[in-house]
PDB file of all heavy atoms in Angstrom:
ATOM      1  N   THR A   1      20.738  -4.911  -3.652  1.00  0.00           N
ATOM      2  CA  THR A   1      20.689  -6.331  -3.915  1.00  0.00           C
ATOM      3  C   THR A   1      19.971  -6.992  -2.760  1.00  0.00           C
ATOM      4  O   THR A   1      19.710  -6.378  -1.743  1.00  0.00           O
ATOM      5  CB  THR A   1      22.114  -6.921  -4.053  1.00  0.00           C
ATOM      6  OG1 THR A   1      22.826  -6.674  -2.848  1.00  0.00           O
ATOM      7  CG2 THR A   1      22.848  -6.301  -5.225  1.00  0.00           C
ATOM      8  N   LEU A   2      19.624  -8.272  -2.905  1.00  0.00           N
ATOM      9  CA  LEU A   2      18.947  -8.982  -1.822  1.00  0.00           C
ATOM     10  C   LEU A   2      19.932  -9.305  -0.701  1.00  0.00           C
ATOM     11  O   LEU A   2      21.034  -9.754  -0.973  1.00  0.00           O
ATOM     12  CB  LEU A   2      18.343 -10.276  -2.366  1.00  0.00           C
ATOM     13  CG  LEU A   2      17.211 -10.079  -3.352  1.00  0.00           C
ATOM     14  CD1 LEU A   2      16.810 -11.436  -3.893  1.00  0.00           C
ATOM     15  CD2 LEU A   2      16.018  -9.443  -2.678  1.00  0.00           C
ATOM     16  N   PRO A   3      19.560  -9.137   0.594  1.00  0.00           N
ATOM     17  CA  PRO A   3      18.322  -8.481   1.016  1.00  0.00           C
ATOM     18  C   PRO A   3      18.299  -7.006   0.655  1.00  0.00           C
ATOM     19  O   PRO A   3      19.342  -6.410   0.397  1.00  0.00           O
ATOM     20  CB  PRO A   3      18.297  -8.678   2.524  1.00  0.00           C
ATOM     21  CG  PRO A   3      19.724  -8.833   2.901  1.00  0.00           C
ATOM     22  CD  PRO A   3      20.400  -9.521   1.736  1.00  0.00           C
ATOM     23  N   LEU A   4      17.156  -6.372   0.667  1.00  0.00           N
ATOM     24  CA  LEU A   4      16.983  -5.059   0.070  1.00  0.00           C
ATOM     25  C   LEU A   4      17.501  -3.908   0.920  1.00  0.00           C
ATOM     26  O   LEU A   4      17.016  -2.790   0.820  1.00  0.00           O
ATOM     27  CB  LEU A   4      15.511  -4.835  -0.248  1.00  0.00           C
ATOM     28  CG  LEU A   4      14.996  -5.643  -1.427  1.00  0.00           C
ATOM     29  CD1 LEU A   4      13.545  -5.310  -1.668  1.00  0.00           C
ATOM     30  CD2 LEU A   4      15.806  -5.401  -2.667  1.00  0.00           C
ATOM     31  N   ALA A   5      18.450  -4.182   1.775  1.00  0.00           N
ATOM     32  CA  ALA A   5      19.176  -3.147   2.511  1.00  0.00           C
ATOM     33  C   ALA A   5      18.228  -2.253   3.292  1.00  0.00           C
ATOM     34  O   ALA A   5      17.072  -2.548   3.508  1.00  0.00           O
ATOM     35  CB  ALA A   5      20.044  -2.328   1.545  1.00  0.00           C
ATOM     36  N   ALA A   6      18.735  -1.144   3.715  1.00  0.00           N
ATOM     37  CA  ALA A   6      17.952  -0.290   4.608  1.00  0.00           C
ATOM     38  C   ALA A   6      16.840   0.436   3.884  1.00  0.00           C
ATOM     39  O   ALA A   6      15.916   0.942   4.505  1.00  0.00           O
ATOM     40  CB  ALA A   6      18.876   0.726   5.273  1.00  0.00           C
ATOM     41  N   ALA A   7      16.926   0.502   2.559  1.00  0.00           N
ATOM     42  CA  ALA A   7      15.910   1.248   1.824  1.00  0.00           C
ATOM     43  C   ALA A   7      14.522   0.693   2.029  1.00  0.00           C
ATOM     44  O   ALA A   7      13.536   1.402   1.917  1.00  0.00           O
ATOM     45  CB  ALA A   7      16.240   1.235   0.328  1.00  0.00           C
ATOM     46  N   LEU A   8      14.421  -0.615   2.346  1.00  0.00           N
ATOM     47  CA  LEU A   8      13.115  -1.219   2.524  1.00  0.00           C
ATOM     48  C   LEU A   8      12.573  -1.010   3.927  1.00  0.00           C
ATOM     49  O   LEU A   8      11.495  -1.484   4.248  1.00  0.00           O
ATOM     50  CB  LEU A   8      13.181  -2.715   2.224  1.00  0.00           C
ATOM     51  CG  LEU A   8      13.486  -3.065   0.774  1.00  0.00           C
ATOM     52  CD1 LEU A   8      13.362  -4.558   0.573  1.00  0.00           C
ATOM     53  CD2 LEU A   8      12.570  -2.336  -0.173  1.00  0.00           C
ATOM     54  N   ALA A   9      13.270  -0.322   4.771  1.00  0.00           N
ATOM     55  CA  ALA A   9      12.809  -0.126   6.142  1.00  0.00           C
ATOM     56  C   ALA A   9      12.558   1.342   6.463  1.00  0.00           C
ATOM     57  O   ALA A   9      12.295   1.703   7.583  1.00  0.00           O
ATOM     58  CB  ALA A   9      13.819  -0.700   7.117  1.00  0.00           C
ATOM     59  N   VAL A  10      12.675   2.221   5.452  1.00  0.00           N
ATOM     60  CA  VAL A  10      12.450   3.652   5.691  1.00  0.00           C
ATOM     61  C   VAL A  10      10.965   3.901   5.861  1.00  0.00           C
ATOM     62  O   VAL A  10      10.167   3.511   5.015  1.00  0.00           O
ATOM     63  CB  VAL A  10      12.983   4.481   4.502  1.00  0.00           C
ATOM     64  CG1 VAL A  10      12.714   5.961   4.724  1.00  0.00           C
ATOM     65  CG2 VAL A  10      14.462   4.228   4.322  1.00  0.00           C
ATOM     66  N   PRO A  11      10.544   4.505   6.960  1.00  0.00           N
ATOM     67  CA  PRO A  11       9.105   4.670   7.193  1.00  0.00           C
ATOM     68  C   PRO A  11       8.476   5.665   6.242  1.00  0.00           C
ATOM     69  O   PRO A  11       9.116   6.581   5.743  1.00  0.00           O
ATOM     70  CB  PRO A  11       9.034   5.168   8.637  1.00  0.00           C
ATOM     71  CG  PRO A  11      10.345   5.834   8.868  1.00  0.00           C
ATOM     72  CD  PRO A  11      11.345   5.056   8.066  1.00  0.00           C
ATOM     73  N   ALA A  12       7.186   5.464   5.999  1.00  0.00           N
ATOM     74  CA  ALA A  12       6.391   6.407   5.220  1.00  0.00           C
ATOM     75  C   ALA A  12       5.055   6.549   5.926  1.00  0.00           C
ATOM     76  O   ALA A  12       4.616   5.653   6.627  1.00  0.00           O
ATOM     77  CB  ALA A  12       6.190   5.896   3.801  1.00  0.00           C
ATOM     78  N   PRO A  13       4.398   7.676   5.761  1.00  0.00           N
ATOM     79  CA  PRO A  13       3.118   7.876   6.446  1.00  0.00           C
ATOM     80  C   PRO A  13       2.049   6.924   5.928  1.00  0.00           C
ATOM     81  O   PRO A  13       2.019   6.586   4.750  1.00  0.00           O
ATOM     82  CB  PRO A  13       2.766   9.333   6.102  1.00  0.00           C
ATOM     83  CG  PRO A  13       3.511   9.618   4.833  1.00  0.00           C
ATOM     84  CD  PRO A  13       4.780   8.835   4.928  1.00  0.00           C
ATOM     85  N   ALA A  14       1.167   6.501   6.837  1.00  0.00           N
ATOM     86  CA  ALA A  14       0.042   5.671   6.415  1.00  0.00           C
ATOM     87  C   ALA A  14      -0.893   6.488   5.549  1.00  0.00           C
ATOM     88  O   ALA A  14      -0.986   7.708   5.682  1.00  0.00           O
ATOM     89  CB  ALA A  14      -0.697   5.142   7.640  1.00  0.00           C
ATOM     90  N   GLN A  15      -1.583   5.817   4.662  1.00  0.00           N
ATOM     91  CA  GLN A  15      -2.470   6.502   3.746  1.00  0.00           C
ATOM     92  C   GLN A  15      -3.906   6.467   4.228  1.00  0.00           C
ATOM     93  O   GLN A  15      -4.345   5.503   4.841  1.00  0.00           O
ATOM     94  CB  GLN A  15      -2.410   5.861   2.362  1.00  0.00           C
ATOM     95  CG  GLN A  15      -1.053   6.015   1.687  1.00  0.00           C
ATOM     96  CD  GLN A  15      -1.041   5.281   0.390  1.00  0.00           C
ATOM     97  OE1 GLN A  15      -0.678   4.134   0.355  1.00  0.00           O
ATOM     98  NE2 GLN A  15      -1.445   5.929  -0.679  1.00  0.00           N
ATOM     99  N   GLY A  16      -4.648   7.478   3.905  1.00  0.00           N
ATOM    100  CA  GLY A  16      -6.074   7.516   4.198  1.00  0.00           C
ATOM    101  C   GLY A  16      -6.866   6.978   3.029  1.00  0.00           C
ATOM    102  O   GLY A  16      -6.314   6.503   2.043  1.00  0.00           O
ATOM    103  N   PRO A  17      -8.186   7.060   3.112  1.00  0.00           N
ATOM    104  CA  PRO A  17      -9.047   6.528   2.049  1.00  0.00           C
ATOM    105  C   PRO A  17      -8.798   7.227   0.721  1.00  0.00           C
ATOM    106  O   PRO A  17      -8.446   8.397   0.669  1.00  0.00           O
ATOM    107  CB  PRO A  17     -10.465   6.805   2.576  1.00  0.00           C
ATOM    108  CG  PRO A  17     -10.300   6.957   4.056  1.00  0.00           C
ATOM    109  CD  PRO A  17      -8.944   7.572   4.237  1.00  0.00           C
ATOM    110  N   SER A  18      -8.971   6.474  -0.366  1.00  0.00           N
ATOM    111  CA  SER A  18      -8.914   7.043  -1.702  1.00  0.00           C
ATOM    112  C   SER A  18     -10.197   6.683  -2.419  1.00  0.00           C
ATOM    113  O   SER A  18     -10.902   5.759  -2.050  1.00  0.00           O
ATOM    114  CB  SER A  18      -7.707   6.504  -2.475  1.00  0.00           C
ATOM    115  OG  SER A  18      -7.844   5.123  -2.685  1.00  0.00           O
ATOM    116  N   SER A  19     -10.505   7.411  -3.456  1.00  0.00           N
ATOM    117  CA  SER A  19     -11.767   7.180  -4.170  1.00  0.00           C
ATOM    118  C   SER A  19     -11.531   6.258  -5.355  1.00  0.00           C
ATOM    119  O   SER A  19     -11.489   6.685  -6.500  1.00  0.00           O
ATOM    120  CB  SER A  19     -12.355   8.506  -4.646  1.00  0.00           C
ATOM    121  OG  SER A  19     -11.404   9.206  -5.431  1.00  0.00           O
ATOM    122  N   GLY A  20     -11.326   4.980  -5.087  1.00  0.00           N
ATOM    123  CA  GLY A  20     -11.160   3.993  -6.148  1.00  0.00           C
ATOM    124  C   GLY A  20     -12.495   3.583  -6.718  1.00  0.00           C
ATOM    125  O   GLY A  20     -13.563   3.992  -6.240  1.00  0.00           O
ATOM    126  N   PRO A  21     -12.476   2.764  -7.776  1.00  0.00           N
ATOM    127  CA  PRO A  21     -13.721   2.319  -8.392  1.00  0.00           C
ATOM    128  C   PRO A  21     -14.527   1.441  -7.444  1.00  0.00           C
ATOM    129  O   PRO A  21     -13.983   0.682  -6.655  1.00  0.00           O
ATOM    130  CB  PRO A  21     -13.241   1.523  -9.621  1.00  0.00           C
ATOM    131  CG  PRO A  21     -11.848   1.110  -9.275  1.00  0.00           C
ATOM    132  CD  PRO A  21     -11.301   2.211  -8.426  1.00  0.00           C
ATOM    133  N   THR A  22     -15.834   1.577  -7.507  1.00  0.00           N
ATOM    134  CA  THR A  22     -16.725   0.773  -6.686  1.00  0.00           C
ATOM    135  C   THR A  22     -17.087  -0.500  -7.429  1.00  0.00           C
ATOM    136  O   THR A  22     -17.443  -0.461  -8.599  1.00  0.00           O
ATOM    137  CB  THR A  22     -18.006   1.559  -6.364  1.00  0.00           C
ATOM    138  OG1 THR A  22     -17.641   2.746  -5.674  1.00  0.00           O
ATOM    139  CG2 THR A  22     -18.947   0.736  -5.504  1.00  0.00           C
ATOM    140  N   VAL A  23     -16.988  -1.636  -6.756  1.00  0.00           N
ATOM    141  CA  VAL A  23     -17.337  -2.924  -7.347  1.00  0.00           C
ATOM    142  C   VAL A  23     -18.537  -3.473  -6.610  1.00  0.00           C
ATOM    143  O   VAL A  23     -18.544  -3.539  -5.381  1.00  0.00           O
ATOM    144  CB  VAL A  23     -16.161  -3.918  -7.245  1.00  0.00           C
ATOM    145  CG1 VAL A  23     -16.533  -5.252  -7.872  1.00  0.00           C
ATOM    146  CG2 VAL A  23     -14.932  -3.337  -7.914  1.00  0.00           C
ATOM    147  N   LYS A  24     -19.572  -3.830  -7.349  1.00  0.00           N
ATOM    148  CA  LYS A  24     -20.781  -4.370  -6.730  1.00  0.00           C
ATOM    149  C   LYS A  24     -20.477  -5.713  -6.086  1.00  0.00           C
ATOM    150  O   LYS A  24     -19.888  -6.579  -6.706  1.00  0.00           O
ATOM    151  CB  LYS A  24     -21.883  -4.533  -7.783  1.00  0.00           C
ATOM    152  CG  LYS A  24     -23.188  -5.089  -7.226  1.00  0.00           C
ATOM    153  CD  LYS A  24     -24.218  -5.210  -8.324  1.00  0.00           C
ATOM    154  CE  LYS A  24     -25.515  -5.794  -7.780  1.00  0.00           C
ATOM    155  NZ  LYS A  24     -26.524  -5.983  -8.824  1.00  0.00           N
ATOM    156  N   ARG A  25     -20.876  -5.886  -4.853  1.00  0.00           N
ATOM    157  CA  ARG A  25     -20.664  -7.143  -4.158  1.00  0.00           C
ATOM    158  C   ARG A  25     -21.817  -8.092  -4.475  1.00  0.00           C
ATOM    159  O   ARG A  25     -22.984  -7.760  -4.266  1.00  0.00           O
ATOM    160  CB  ARG A  25     -20.580  -6.927  -2.647  1.00  0.00           C
ATOM    161  CG  ARG A  25     -20.262  -8.203  -1.874  1.00  0.00           C
ATOM    162  CD  ARG A  25     -20.160  -7.907  -0.392  1.00  0.00           C
ATOM    163  NE  ARG A  25     -19.083  -6.984  -0.095  1.00  0.00           N
ATOM    164  CZ  ARG A  25     -17.817  -7.363   0.026  1.00  0.00           C
ATOM    165  NH1 ARG A  25     -17.466  -8.628  -0.144  1.00  0.00           N
ATOM    166  NH2 ARG A  25     -16.878  -6.481   0.308  1.00  0.00           N
ATOM    167  N   LEU A  26     -21.492  -9.256  -5.002  1.00  0.00           N
ATOM    168  CA  LEU A  26     -22.494 -10.248  -5.350  1.00  0.00           C
ATOM    169  C   LEU A  26     -22.569 -11.323  -4.281  1.00  0.00           C
ATOM    170  O   LEU A  26     -21.616 -11.553  -3.540  1.00  0.00           O
ATOM    171  CB  LEU A  26     -22.153 -10.884  -6.706  1.00  0.00           C
ATOM    172  CG  LEU A  26     -22.058  -9.910  -7.876  1.00  0.00           C
ATOM    173  CD1 LEU A  26     -21.640 -10.648  -9.128  1.00  0.00           C
ATOM    174  CD2 LEU A  26     -23.388  -9.205  -8.098  1.00  0.00           C
ATOM    175  N   ALA A  27     -23.696 -11.981  -4.208  1.00  0.00           N
ATOM    176  CA  ALA A  27     -23.857 -13.058  -3.235  1.00  0.00           C
ATOM    177  C   ALA A  27     -22.876 -14.177  -3.526  1.00  0.00           C
ATOM    178  O   ALA A  27     -22.705 -14.587  -4.671  1.00  0.00           O
ATOM    179  CB  ALA A  27     -25.287 -13.595  -3.290  1.00  0.00           C
TER     180      ALA A  27
END
């Protein structure tokens, strides 16, 4: 319940790059 208790503070490893879709950048 709120606040979300200790479960929201458990560390997880940072993520590296993933190959998501490429979006063309417009002016």
